[in-house]
Full PDB file with SEQRES, HELIX, SHEET, SSBOND, CRYST1, ORIGX, SCALE, CONECT and MASTER records, all heavy atoms in Angstrom:
SEQRES   1 A   43  CYS GLY GLU TYR SER PRO SER TYR GLN LYS THR VAL ASN          
SEQRES   2 A   43  CYS ILE GLN MET CYS ILE LEU SER LYS VAL PRO GLN VAL          
SEQRES   3 A   43  GLN ILE ILE GLU THR VAL LEU ASN ASN THR PHE TYR ASN          
SEQRES   4 A   43  VAL VAL ASP MET                                              
HELIX    1 AA1 TYR A    8  LYS A   22  1                                  15    
CRYST1    1.000    1.000    1.000  90.00  90.00  90.00 P 1           1          
ORIGX1      1.000000  0.000000  0.000000        0.00000                         
ORIGX2      0.000000  1.000000  0.000000        0.00000                         
ORIGX3      0.000000  0.000000  1.000000        0.00000                         
SCALE1      1.000000  0.000000  0.000000        0.00000                         
SCALE2      0.000000  1.000000  0.000000        0.00000                         
SCALE3      0.000000  0.000000  1.000000        0.00000                         
ATOM      1  N   CYS A   1       0.801  -1.232  -0.003  1.00  0.00           N  
ATOM      2  CA  CYS A   1       0.002   0.000   0.001  1.00  0.00           C  
ATOM      3  C   CYS A   1       0.833   1.273  -0.005  1.00  0.00           C  
ATOM      4  O   CYS A   1       0.309   2.350  -0.267  1.00  0.00           O  
ATOM      5  CB  CYS A   1      -0.943   0.007   1.198  1.00  0.00           C  
ATOM      6  SG  CYS A   1      -0.093  -0.071   2.809  1.00  0.00           S  
ATOM      7  N   GLY A   2       2.120   1.184   0.324  1.00  0.00           N  
ATOM      8  CA  GLY A   2       2.940   2.383   0.384  1.00  0.00           C  
ATOM      9  C   GLY A   2       2.637   3.197   1.632  1.00  0.00           C  
ATOM     10  O   GLY A   2       1.936   2.767   2.545  1.00  0.00           O  
ATOM     11  N   GLU A   3       3.183   4.418   1.665  1.00  0.00           N  
ATOM     12  CA  GLU A   3       2.938   5.348   2.784  1.00  0.00           C  
ATOM     13  C   GLU A   3       2.946   6.758   2.237  1.00  0.00           C  
ATOM     14  O   GLU A   3       3.817   7.136   1.446  1.00  0.00           O  
ATOM     15  CB  GLU A   3       4.011   5.186   3.850  1.00  0.00           C  
ATOM     16  CG  GLU A   3       3.773   6.018   5.086  1.00  0.00           C  
ATOM     17  CD  GLU A   3       4.682   5.663   6.227  1.00  0.00           C  
ATOM     18  OE1 GLU A   3       5.193   4.513   6.248  1.00  0.00           O  
ATOM     19  OE2 GLU A   3       4.879   6.503   7.111  1.00  0.00           O  
ATOM     20  N   TYR A   4       1.971   7.567   2.648  1.00  0.00           N  
ATOM     21  CA  TYR A   4       1.831   8.911   2.089  1.00  0.00           C  
ATOM     22  C   TYR A   4       2.942   9.829   2.525  1.00  0.00           C  
ATOM     23  O   TYR A   4       3.331   9.853   3.694  1.00  0.00           O  
ATOM     24  CB  TYR A   4       0.479   9.505   2.514  1.00  0.00           C  
ATOM     25  CG  TYR A   4       0.194  10.838   1.861  1.00  0.00           C  
ATOM     26  CD1 TYR A   4      -0.144  10.928   0.513  1.00  0.00           C  
ATOM     27  CD2 TYR A   4       0.306  12.028   2.599  1.00  0.00           C  
ATOM     28  CE1 TYR A   4      -0.394  12.148  -0.080  1.00  0.00           C  
ATOM     29  CE2 TYR A   4       0.072  13.261   2.015  1.00  0.00           C  
ATOM     30  CZ  TYR A   4      -0.275  13.299   0.665  1.00  0.00           C  
ATOM     31  OH  TYR A   4      -0.531  14.536   0.071  1.00  0.00           O  
ATOM     32  N   SER A   5       3.459  10.581   1.556  1.00  0.00           N  
ATOM     33  CA  SER A   5       4.498  11.569   1.812  1.00  0.00           C  
ATOM     34  C   SER A   5       3.918  12.977   1.585  1.00  0.00           C  
ATOM     35  O   SER A   5       3.556  13.303   0.463  1.00  0.00           O  
ATOM     36  CB  SER A   5       5.694  11.363   0.909  1.00  0.00           C  
ATOM     37  OG  SER A   5       6.565  12.487   0.952  1.00  0.00           O  
ATOM     38  N   PRO A   6       3.811  13.800   2.630  1.00  0.00           N  
ATOM     39  CA  PRO A   6       3.282  15.148   2.446  1.00  0.00           C  
ATOM     40  C   PRO A   6       4.313  16.134   1.877  1.00  0.00           C  
ATOM     41  O   PRO A   6       3.944  17.250   1.526  1.00  0.00           O  
ATOM     42  CB  PRO A   6       2.863  15.536   3.861  1.00  0.00           C  
ATOM     43  CG  PRO A   6       3.811  14.797   4.748  1.00  0.00           C  
ATOM     44  CD  PRO A   6       4.088  13.500   4.060  1.00  0.00           C  
ATOM     45  N   SER A   7       5.582  15.731   1.821  1.00  0.00           N  
ATOM     46  CA  SER A   7       6.607  16.618   1.281  1.00  0.00           C  
ATOM     47  C   SER A   7       7.901  15.827   1.134  1.00  0.00           C  
ATOM     48  O   SER A   7       8.108  14.780   1.749  1.00  0.00           O  
ATOM     49  CB  SER A   7       6.862  17.828   2.200  1.00  0.00           C  
ATOM     50  OG  SER A   7       7.444  17.394   3.425  1.00  0.00           O  
ATOM     51  N   TYR A   8       8.809  16.359   0.310  1.00  0.00           N  
ATOM     52  CA  TYR A   8      10.145  15.765   0.212  1.00  0.00           C  
ATOM     53  C   TYR A   8      10.861  15.863   1.552  1.00  0.00           C  
ATOM     54  O   TYR A   8      11.602  14.964   1.950  1.00  0.00           O  
ATOM     55  CB  TYR A   8      10.949  16.490  -0.869  1.00  0.00           C  
ATOM     56  CG  TYR A   8      10.664  16.070  -2.279  1.00  0.00           C  
ATOM     57  CD1 TYR A   8       9.555  16.575  -2.981  1.00  0.00           C  
ATOM     58  CD2 TYR A   8      11.456  15.158  -2.943  1.00  0.00           C  
ATOM     59  CE1 TYR A   8       9.279  16.178  -4.282  1.00  0.00           C  
ATOM     60  CE2 TYR A   8      11.213  14.760  -4.250  1.00  0.00           C  
ATOM     61  CZ  TYR A   8      10.098  15.263  -4.909  1.00  0.00           C  
ATOM     62  OH  TYR A   8       9.852  14.860  -6.205  1.00  0.00           O  
ATOM     63  N   GLN A   9      10.653  16.977   2.261  1.00  0.00           N  
ATOM     64  CA  GLN A   9      11.315  17.157   3.543  1.00  0.00           C  
ATOM     65  C   GLN A   9      10.907  16.073   4.551  1.00  0.00           C  
ATOM     66  O   GLN A   9      11.761  15.534   5.263  1.00  0.00           O  
ATOM     67  CB  GLN A   9      10.972  18.535   4.123  1.00  0.00           C  
ATOM     68  CG  GLN A   9      11.610  19.714   3.356  1.00  0.00           C  
ATOM     69  CD  GLN A   9      10.749  20.200   2.214  1.00  0.00           C  
ATOM     70  OE1 GLN A   9       9.913  19.461   1.686  1.00  0.00           O  
ATOM     71  NE2 GLN A   9      10.967  21.437   1.803  1.00  0.00           N  
ATOM     72  N   LYS A  10       9.616  15.757   4.594  1.00  0.00           N  
ATOM     73  CA  LYS A  10       9.132  14.733   5.507  1.00  0.00           C  
ATOM     74  C   LYS A  10       9.714  13.367   5.153  1.00  0.00           C  
ATOM     75  O   LYS A  10      10.082  12.573   6.032  1.00  0.00           O  
ATOM     76  CB  LYS A  10       7.603  14.696   5.499  1.00  0.00           C  
ATOM     77  CG  LYS A  10       7.001  13.614   6.407  1.00  0.00           C  
ATOM     78  CD  LYS A  10       7.375  13.804   7.857  1.00  0.00           C  
ATOM     79  CE  LYS A  10       6.667  12.799   8.744  1.00  0.00           C  
ATOM     80  NZ  LYS A  10       7.107  12.871  10.143  1.00  0.00           N  
ATOM     81  N   THR A  11       9.839  13.091   3.860  1.00  0.00           N  
ATOM     82  CA  THR A  11      10.419  11.832   3.421  1.00  0.00           C  
ATOM     83  C   THR A  11      11.867  11.717   3.867  1.00  0.00           C  
ATOM     84  O   THR A  11      12.332  10.675   4.332  1.00  0.00           O  
ATOM     85  CB  THR A  11      10.300  11.680   1.883  1.00  0.00           C  
ATOM     86  OG1 THR A  11       8.924  11.615   1.529  1.00  0.00           O  
ATOM     87  CG2 THR A  11      11.012  10.437   1.399  1.00  0.00           C  
ATOM     88  N   VAL A  12      12.635  12.804   3.712  1.00  0.00           N  
ATOM     89  CA  VAL A  12      14.029  12.824   4.149  1.00  0.00           C  
ATOM     90  C   VAL A  12      14.110  12.534   5.649  1.00  0.00           C  
ATOM     91  O   VAL A  12      14.925  11.706   6.101  1.00  0.00           O  
ATOM     92  CB  VAL A  12      14.685  14.176   3.833  1.00  0.00           C  
ATOM     93  CG1 VAL A  12      15.992  14.348   4.599  1.00  0.00           C  
ATOM     94  CG2 VAL A  12      14.956  14.282   2.331  1.00  0.00           C  
ATOM     95  N   ASN A  13      13.245  13.160   6.437  1.00  0.00           N  
ATOM     96  CA  ASN A  13      13.280  12.945   7.902  1.00  0.00           C  
ATOM     97  C   ASN A  13      12.873  11.515   8.232  1.00  0.00           C  
ATOM     98  O   ASN A  13      13.472  10.922   9.144  1.00  0.00           O  
ATOM     99  CB  ASN A  13      12.336  13.929   8.587  1.00  0.00           C  
ATOM    100  CG  ASN A  13      12.338  13.757  10.088  1.00  0.00           C  
ATOM    101  OD1 ASN A  13      11.406  13.257  10.676  1.00  0.00           O  
ATOM    102  ND2 ASN A  13      13.429  14.196  10.723  1.00  0.00           N  
ATOM    103  N   CYS A  14      11.892  10.950   7.526  1.00  0.00           N  
ATOM    104  CA  CYS A  14      11.491   9.561   7.800  1.00  0.00           C  
ATOM    105  C   CYS A  14      12.658   8.601   7.524  1.00  0.00           C  
ATOM    106  O   CYS A  14      12.845   7.622   8.266  1.00  0.00           O  
ATOM    107  CB  CYS A  14      10.295   9.201   6.924  1.00  0.00           C  
ATOM    108  SG  CYS A  14       8.742   9.942   7.453  1.00  0.00           S  
ATOM    109  N   ILE A  15      13.417   8.864   6.470  1.00  0.00           N  
ATOM    110  CA  ILE A  15      14.584   8.007   6.162  1.00  0.00           C  
ATOM    111  C   ILE A  15      15.588   8.076   7.307  1.00  0.00           C  
ATOM    112  O   ILE A  15      16.098   7.044   7.777  1.00  0.00           O  
ATOM    113  CB  ILE A  15      15.220   8.460   4.831  1.00  0.00           C  
ATOM    114  CG1 ILE A  15      14.313   8.095   3.649  1.00  0.00           C  
ATOM    115  CG2 ILE A  15      16.605   7.859   4.654  1.00  0.00           C  
ATOM    116  CD1 ILE A  15      14.757   8.689   2.321  1.00  0.00           C  
ATOM    117  N   GLN A  16      15.867   9.285   7.782  1.00  0.00           N  
ATOM    118  CA  GLN A  16      16.862   9.450   8.842  1.00  0.00           C  
ATOM    119  C   GLN A  16      16.396   8.803  10.146  1.00  0.00           C  
ATOM    120  O   GLN A  16      17.173   8.142  10.836  1.00  0.00           O  
ATOM    121  CB  GLN A  16      17.151  10.932   9.030  1.00  0.00           C  
ATOM    122  CG  GLN A  16      17.840  11.564   7.834  1.00  0.00           C  
ATOM    123  CD  GLN A  16      17.972  13.068   8.005  1.00  0.00           C  
ATOM    124  OE1 GLN A  16      17.064  13.741   8.465  1.00  0.00           O  
ATOM    125  NE2 GLN A  16      19.131  13.591   7.627  1.00  0.00           N  
ATOM    126  N   MET A  17      15.130   9.002  10.488  1.00  0.00           N  
ATOM    127  CA  MET A  17      14.594   8.434  11.731  1.00  0.00           C  
ATOM    128  C   MET A  17      14.591   6.912  11.692  1.00  0.00           C  
ATOM    129  O   MET A  17      14.869   6.245  12.690  1.00  0.00           O  
ATOM    130  CB  MET A  17      13.182   8.945  11.977  1.00  0.00           C  
ATOM    131  CG  MET A  17      13.142  10.435  12.361  1.00  0.00           C  
ATOM    132  SD  MET A  17      13.980  10.789  13.902  1.00  0.00           S  
ATOM    133  CE  MET A  17      12.914   9.963  15.067  1.00  0.00           C  
ATOM    134  N   CYS A  18      14.287   6.348  10.524  1.00  0.00           N  
ATOM    135  CA  CYS A  18      14.305   4.900  10.368  1.00  0.00           C  
ATOM    136  C   CYS A  18      15.705   4.350  10.591  1.00  0.00           C  
ATOM    137  O   CYS A  18      15.905   3.346  11.312  1.00  0.00           O  
ATOM    138  CB  CYS A  18      13.774   4.501   8.998  1.00  0.00           C  
ATOM    139  SG  CYS A  18      13.664   2.730   8.692  1.00  0.00           S  
ATOM    140  N   ILE A  19      16.699   5.025  10.019  1.00  0.00           N  
ATOM    141  CA  ILE A  19      18.095   4.553  10.170  1.00  0.00           C  
ATOM    142  C   ILE A  19      18.528   4.659  11.623  1.00  0.00           C  
ATOM    143  O   ILE A  19      19.102   3.728  12.202  1.00  0.00           O  
ATOM    144  CB  ILE A  19      19.017   5.369   9.260  1.00  0.00           C  
ATOM    145  CG1 ILE A  19      18.707   5.036   7.774  1.00  0.00           C  
ATOM    146  CG2 ILE A  19      20.506   5.056   9.571  1.00  0.00           C  
ATOM    147  CD1 ILE A  19      19.404   5.969   6.808  1.00  0.00           C  
ATOM    148  N   LEU A  20      18.301   5.791  12.263  1.00  0.00           N  
ATOM    149  CA  LEU A  20      18.735   5.990  13.636  1.00  0.00           C  
ATOM    150  C   LEU A  20      18.043   5.033  14.603  1.00  0.00           C  
ATOM    151  O   LEU A  20      18.622   4.645  15.635  1.00  0.00           O  
ATOM    152  CB  LEU A  20      18.483   7.448  14.076  1.00  0.00           C  
ATOM    153  CG  LEU A  20      19.392   8.495  13.405  1.00  0.00           C  
ATOM    154  CD1 LEU A  20      18.939   9.895  13.776  1.00  0.00           C  
ATOM    155  CD2 LEU A  20      20.860   8.277  13.805  1.00  0.00           C  
ATOM    156  N   SER A  21      16.783   4.662  14.296  1.00  0.00           N  
ATOM    157  CA  SER A  21      16.066   3.762  15.197  1.00  0.00           C  
ATOM    158  C   SER A  21      16.497   2.311  15.041  1.00  0.00           C  
ATOM    159  O   SER A  21      16.372   1.528  15.978  1.00  0.00           O  
ATOM    160  CB  SER A  21      14.553   3.890  14.933  1.00  0.00           C  
ATOM    161  OG  SER A  21      14.212   3.405  13.646  1.00  0.00           O  
ATOM    162  N   LYS A  22      17.006   1.937  13.857  1.00  0.00           N  
ATOM    163  CA  LYS A  22      17.326   0.531  13.599  1.00  0.00           C  
ATOM    164  C   LYS A  22      18.815   0.213  13.558  1.00  0.00           C  
ATOM    165  O   LYS A  22      19.189  -0.961  13.588  1.00  0.00           O  
ATOM    166  CB  LYS A  22      16.663   0.083  12.287  1.00  0.00           C  
ATOM    167  CG  LYS A  22      15.144   0.087  12.340  1.00  0.00           C  
ATOM    168  CD  LYS A  22      14.540  -0.513  11.093  1.00  0.00           C  
ATOM    169  CE  LYS A  22      13.014  -0.584  11.185  1.00  0.00           C  
ATOM    170  NZ  LYS A  22      12.419  -1.230   9.994  1.00  0.00           N  
ATOM    171  N   VAL A  23      19.636   1.240  13.443  1.00  0.00           N  
ATOM    172  CA  VAL A  23      21.089   1.026  13.328  1.00  0.00           C  
ATOM    173  C   VAL A  23      21.802   1.809  14.412  1.00  0.00           C  
ATOM    174  O   VAL A  23      22.125   2.992  14.222  1.00  0.00           O  
ATOM    175  CB  VAL A  23      21.614   1.421  11.934  1.00  0.00           C  
ATOM    176  CG1 VAL A  23      23.064   0.966  11.770  1.00  0.00           C  
ATOM    177  CG2 VAL A  23      20.744   0.812  10.833  1.00  0.00           C  
ATOM    178  N   PRO A  24      22.050   1.223  15.559  1.00  0.00           N  
ATOM    179  CA  PRO A  24      22.608   1.972  16.687  1.00  0.00           C  
ATOM    180  C   PRO A  24      24.053   2.463  16.449  1.00  0.00           C  
ATOM    181  O   PRO A  24      24.493   3.378  17.139  1.00  0.00           O  
ATOM    182  CB  PRO A  24      22.583   0.969  17.834  1.00  0.00           C  
ATOM    183  CG  PRO A  24      22.513  -0.395  17.188  1.00  0.00           C  
ATOM    184  CD  PRO A  24      21.728  -0.181  15.938  1.00  0.00           C  
ATOM    185  N   GLN A  25      24.751   1.878  15.483  1.00  0.00           N  
ATOM    186  CA  GLN A  25      26.124   2.311  15.205  1.00  0.00           C  
ATOM    187  C   GLN A  25      26.187   3.704  14.596  1.00  0.00           C  
ATOM    188  O   GLN A  25      27.233   4.378  14.625  1.00  0.00           O  
ATOM    189  CB  GLN A  25      26.835   1.314  14.286  1.00  0.00           C  
ATOM    190  CG  GLN A  25      26.999  -0.077  14.840  1.00  0.00           C  
ATOM    191  CD  GLN A  25      25.822  -0.981  14.456  1.00  0.00           C  
ATOM    192  OE1 GLN A  25      24.730  -0.498  14.180  1.00  0.00           O  
ATOM    193  NE2 GLN A  25      26.064  -2.293  14.471  1.00  0.00           N  
ATOM    194  N   VAL A  26      25.096   4.150  13.961  1.00  0.00           N  
ATOM    195  CA  VAL A  26      25.064   5.457  13.296  1.00  0.00           C  
ATOM    196  C   VAL A  26      24.828   6.561  14.322  1.00  0.00           C  
ATOM    197  O   VAL A  26      23.888   6.502  15.111  1.00  0.00           O  
ATOM    198  CB  VAL A  26      23.972   5.484  12.209  1.00  0.00           C  
ATOM    199  CG1 VAL A  26      23.823   6.899  11.638  1.00  0.00           C  
ATOM    200  CG2 VAL A  26      24.312   4.511  11.096  1.00  0.00           C  
ATOM    201  N   GLN A  27      25.675   7.601  14.287  1.00  0.00           N  
ATOM    202  CA  GLN A  27      25.573   8.727  15.220  1.00  0.00           C  
ATOM    203  C   GLN A  27      24.929   9.956  14.581  1.00  0.00           C  
ATOM    204  O   GLN A  27      24.073  10.601  15.183  1.00  0.00           O  
ATOM    205  CB  GLN A  27      26.950   9.086  15.753  1.00  0.00           C  
ATOM    206  CG  GLN A  27      27.604   7.943  16.504  1.00  0.00           C  
ATOM    207  CD  GLN A  27      26.790   7.506  17.699  1.00  0.00           C  
ATOM    208  OE1 GLN A  27      26.411   8.309  18.547  1.00  0.00           O  
ATOM    209  NE2 GLN A  27      26.491   6.218  17.775  1.00  0.00           N  
ATOM    210  N   ILE A  28      25.351  10.309  13.398  1.00  0.00           N  
ATOM    211  CA  ILE A  28      24.859  11.478  12.679  1.00  0.00           C  
ATOM    212  C   ILE A  28      24.639  11.067  11.226  1.00  0.00           C  
ATOM    213  O   ILE A  28      25.447  10.342  10.649  1.00  0.00           O  
ATOM    214  CB  ILE A  28      25.826  12.666  12.748  1.00  0.00           C  
ATOM    215  CG1 ILE A  28      26.092  13.088  14.206  1.00  0.00           C  
ATOM    216  CG2 ILE A  28      25.311  13.866  11.962  1.00  0.00           C  
ATOM    217  CD1 ILE A  28      27.174  14.154  14.367  1.00  0.00           C  
ATOM    218  N   ILE A  29      23.554  11.554  10.629  1.00  0.00           N  
ATOM    219  CA  ILE A  29      23.303  11.246   9.226  1.00  0.00           C  
ATOM    220  C   ILE A  29      22.893  12.515   8.462  1.00  0.00           C  
ATOM    221  O   ILE A  29      22.033  13.264   8.912  1.00  0.00           O  
ATOM    222  CB  ILE A  29      22.230  10.130   9.065  1.00  0.00           C  
ATOM    223  CG1 ILE A  29      22.004   9.823   7.584  1.00  0.00           C  
ATOM    224  CG2 ILE A  29      20.940  10.477   9.790  1.00  0.00           C  
ATOM    225  CD1 ILE A  29      21.251   8.556   7.344  1.00  0.00           C  
ATOM    226  N   GLU A  30      23.568  12.755   7.370  1.00  0.00           N  
ATOM    227  CA  GLU A  30      23.280  13.853   6.469  1.00  0.00           C  
ATOM    228  C   GLU A  30      22.587  13.304   5.231  1.00  0.00           C  
ATOM    229  O   GLU A  30      23.067  12.326   4.636  1.00  0.00           O  
ATOM    230  CB  GLU A  30      24.590  14.576   6.059  1.00  0.00           C  
ATOM    231  CG  GLU A  30      24.433  15.643   4.998  1.00  0.00           C  
ATOM    232  CD  GLU A  30      25.734  16.099   4.400  1.00  0.00           C  
ATOM    233  OE1 GLU A  30      26.797  15.634   4.871  1.00  0.00           O  
ATOM    234  OE2 GLU A  30      25.715  16.898   3.473  1.00  0.00           O  
ATOM    235  N   THR A  31      21.478  13.923   4.840  1.00  0.00           N  
ATOM    236  CA  THR A  31      20.717  13.434   3.693  1.00  0.00           C  
ATOM    237  C   THR A  31      20.360  14.612   2.794  1.00  0.00           C  
ATOM    238  O   THR A  31      19.912  15.653   3.257  1.00  0.00           O  
ATOM    239  CB  THR A  31      19.418  12.735   4.144  1.00  0.00           C  
ATOM    240  OG1 THR A  31      19.749  11.688   5.076  1.00  0.00           O  
ATOM    241  CG2 THR A  31      18.677  12.113   2.958  1.00  0.00           C  
ATOM    242  N   VAL A  32      20.570  14.408   1.499  1.00  0.00           N  
ATOM    243  CA  VAL A  32      20.189  15.393   0.464  1.00  0.00           C  
ATOM    244  C   VAL A  32      19.362  14.676  -0.567  1.00  0.00           C  
ATOM    245  O   VAL A  32      19.747  13.617  -1.058  1.00  0.00           O  
ATOM    246  CB  VAL A  32      21.426  16.026  -0.196  1.00  0.00           C  
ATOM    247  CG1 VAL A  32      20.992  17.056  -1.238  1.00  0.00           C  
ATOM    248  CG2 VAL A  32      22.327  16.689   0.841  1.00  0.00           C  
ATOM    249  N   LEU A  33      18.196  15.249  -0.904  1.00  0.00           N  
ATOM    250  CA  LEU A  33      17.338  14.702  -1.932  1.00  0.00           C  
ATOM    251  C   LEU A  33      17.149  15.739  -3.016  1.00  0.00           C  
ATOM    252  O   LEU A  33      16.489  16.770  -2.814  1.00  0.00           O  
ATOM    253  CB  LEU A  33      15.996  14.258  -1.345  1.00  0.00           C  
ATOM    254  CG  LEU A  33      15.000  13.601  -2.291  1.00  0.00           C  
ATOM    255  CD1 LEU A  33      15.611  12.338  -2.916  1.00  0.00           C  
ATOM    256  CD2 LEU A  33      13.703  13.267  -1.583  1.00  0.00           C  
ATOM    257  N   ASN A  34      17.760  15.504  -4.169  1.00  0.00           N  
ATOM    258  CA  ASN A  34      17.584  16.363  -5.339  1.00  0.00           C  
ATOM    259  C   ASN A  34      16.366  15.865  -6.103  1.00  0.00           C  
ATOM    260  O   ASN A  34      16.322  14.744  -6.565  1.00  0.00           O  
ATOM    261  CB  ASN A  34      18.832  16.340  -6.226  1.00  0.00           C  
ATOM    262  CG  ASN A  34      20.020  16.981  -5.536  1.00  0.00           C  
ATOM    263  OD1 ASN A  34      19.895  17.995  -4.875  1.00  0.00           O  
ATOM    264  ND2 ASN A  34      21.187  16.369  -5.697  1.00  0.00           N  
ATOM    265  N   ASN A  35      15.370  16.741  -6.248  1.00  0.00           N  
ATOM    266  CA  ASN A  35      14.079  16.334  -6.749  1.00  0.00           C  
ATOM    267  C   ASN A  35      13.973  16.409  -8.264  1.00  0.00           C  
ATOM    268  O   ASN A  35      14.542  17.316  -8.882  1.00  0.00           O  
ATOM    269  CB  ASN A  35      12.960  17.230  -6.151  1.00  0.00           C  
ATOM    270  CG  ASN A  35      13.171  17.483  -4.671  1.00  0.00           C  
ATOM    271  OD1 ASN A  35      13.820  16.685  -3.987  1.00  0.00           O  
ATOM    272  ND2 ASN A  35      12.659  18.604  -4.186  1.00  0.00           N  
ATOM    273  N   THR A  36      13.268  15.482  -8.820  1.00  0.00           N  
ATOM    274  CA  THR A  36      12.893  15.518 -10.241  1.00  0.00           C  
ATOM    275  C   THR A  36      11.379  15.636 -10.334  1.00  0.00           C  
ATOM    276  O   THR A  36      10.659  14.797  -9.767  1.00  0.00           O  
ATOM    277  CB  THR A  36      13.346  14.237 -10.983  1.00  0.00           C  
ATOM    278  OG1 THR A  36      14.774  14.134 -10.855  1.00  0.00           O  
ATOM    279  CG2 THR A  36      12.977  14.315 -12.442  1.00  0.00           C  
ATOM    280  N   PHE A  37      10.896  16.661 -11.030  1.00  0.00           N  
ATOM    281  CA  PHE A  37       9.470  16.881 -11.174  1.00  0.00           C  
ATOM    282  C   PHE A  37       9.020  16.442 -12.558  1.00  0.00           C  
ATOM    283  O   PHE A  37       9.772  16.535 -13.538  1.00  0.00           O  
ATOM    284  CB  PHE A  37       9.108  18.351 -10.957  1.00  0.00           C  
ATOM    285  CG  PHE A  37       9.482  18.846  -9.570  1.00  0.00           C  
ATOM    286  CD1 PHE A  37      10.514  19.740  -9.391  1.00  0.00           C  
ATOM    287  CD2 PHE A  37       8.782  18.415  -8.458  1.00  0.00           C  
ATOM    288  CE1 PHE A  37      10.864  20.197  -8.136  1.00  0.00           C  
ATOM    289  CE2 PHE A  37       9.100  18.874  -7.185  1.00  0.00           C  
ATOM    290  CZ  PHE A  37      10.137  19.767  -7.049  1.00  0.00           C  
ATOM    291  N   TYR A  38       7.785  15.961 -12.627  1.00  0.00           N  
ATOM    292  CA  TYR A  38       7.197  15.529 -13.905  1.00  0.00           C  
ATOM    293  C   TYR A  38       5.920  16.312 -14.168  1.00  0.00           C  
ATOM    294  O   TYR A  38       5.077  16.478 -13.256  1.00  0.00           O  
ATOM    295  CB  TYR A  38       6.883  14.034 -13.878  1.00  0.00           C  
ATOM    296  CG  TYR A  38       8.104  13.147 -13.935  1.00  0.00           C  
ATOM    297  CD1 TYR A  38       8.827  12.843 -12.774  1.00  0.00           C  
ATOM    298  CD2 TYR A  38       8.552  12.609 -15.145  1.00  0.00           C  
ATOM    299  CE1 TYR A  38       9.953  12.053 -12.809  1.00  0.00           C  
ATOM    300  CE2 TYR A  38       9.683  11.816 -15.200  1.00  0.00           C  
ATOM    301  CZ  TYR A  38      10.375  11.519 -14.035  1.00  0.00           C  
ATOM    302  OH  TYR A  38      11.501  10.723 -14.072  1.00  0.00           O  
ATOM    303  N   ASN A  39       5.756  16.782 -15.399  1.00  0.00           N  
ATOM    304  CA  ASN A  39       4.542  17.461 -15.805  1.00  0.00           C  
ATOM    305  C   ASN A  39       3.733  16.572 -16.737  1.00  0.00           C  
ATOM    306  O   ASN A  39       4.295  15.879 -17.609  1.00  0.00           O  
ATOM    307  CB  ASN A  39       4.875  18.781 -16.534  1.00  0.00           C  
ATOM    308  CG  ASN A  39       5.395  19.843 -15.600  1.00  0.00           C  
ATOM    309  OD1 ASN A  39       5.093  19.840 -14.395  1.00  0.00           O  
ATOM    310  ND2 ASN A  39       6.213  20.761 -16.118  1.00  0.00           N  
ATOM    311  N   VAL A  40       2.414  16.593 -16.538  1.00  0.00           N  
ATOM    312  CA  VAL A  40       1.525  15.817 -17.393  1.00  0.00           C  
ATOM    313  C   VAL A  40       1.433  16.504 -18.758  1.00  0.00           C  
ATOM    314  O   VAL A  40       1.242  17.707 -18.862  1.00  0.00           O  
ATOM    315  CB  VAL A  40       0.135  15.706 -16.757  1.00  0.00           C  
ATOM    316  CG1 VAL A  40      -0.818  14.925 -17.665  1.00  0.00           C  
ATOM    317  CG2 VAL A  40       0.221  15.032 -15.391  1.00  0.00           C  
ATOM    318  N   VAL A  41       1.572  15.710 -19.830  1.00  0.00           N  
ATOM    319  CA  VAL A  41       1.495  16.247 -21.185  1.00  0.00           C  
ATOM    320  C   VAL A  41       0.043  16.544 -21.543  1.00  0.00           C  
ATOM    321  O   VAL A  41      -0.845  15.709 -21.360  1.00  0.00           O  
ATOM    322  CB  VAL A  41       2.086  15.236 -22.183  1.00  0.00           C  
ATOM    323  CG1 VAL A  41       1.952  15.772 -23.615  1.00  0.00           C  
ATOM    324  CG2 VAL A  41       3.551  14.961 -21.874  1.00  0.00           C  
ATOM    325  N   ASP A  42      -0.222  17.764 -22.006  1.00  0.00           N  
ATOM    326  CA  ASP A  42      -1.558  18.156 -22.453  1.00  0.00           C  
ATOM    327  C   ASP A  42      -1.824  17.593 -23.850  1.00  0.00           C  
ATOM    328  O   ASP A  42      -1.152  17.944 -24.810  1.00  0.00           O  
ATOM    329  CB  ASP A  42      -1.666  19.685 -22.476  1.00  0.00           C  
ATOM    330  CG  ASP A  42      -3.071  20.146 -22.825  1.00  0.00           C  
ATOM    331  OD1 ASP A  42      -3.960  19.284 -23.082  1.00  0.00           O  
ATOM    332  OD2 ASP A  42      -3.297  21.373 -22.846  1.00  0.00           O  
ATOM    333  N   MET A  43      -2.766  16.649 -23.943  1.00  0.00           N  
ATOM    334  CA  MET A  43      -3.061  15.993 -25.193  1.00  0.00           C  
ATOM    335  C   MET A  43      -4.439  16.333 -25.749  1.00  0.00           C  
ATOM    336  O   MET A  43      -4.962  15.618 -26.617  1.00  0.00           O  
ATOM    337  CB  MET A  43      -2.947  14.467 -25.038  1.00  0.00           C  
ATOM    338  CG  MET A  43      -1.533  13.972 -24.782  1.00  0.00           C  
ATOM    339  SD  MET A  43      -1.416  12.153 -24.751  1.00  0.00           S  
ATOM    340  CE  MET A  43       0.343  11.928 -24.800  1.00  0.00           C  
TER     341      MET A  43                                                      
MASTER        0    0    0    1    0    0    0    6  340    1    0    4          
END                                                                             
């Protein structure tokens, strides 16, 4: 079913929180998401 993302920022934070909660060896995590947007073609 997936999971709803209200923003790219929220998705980045979810990734970081998942890693920190499951991998205790990680202390600090830096994440950058360069976005690609798609436009619907008017036909």
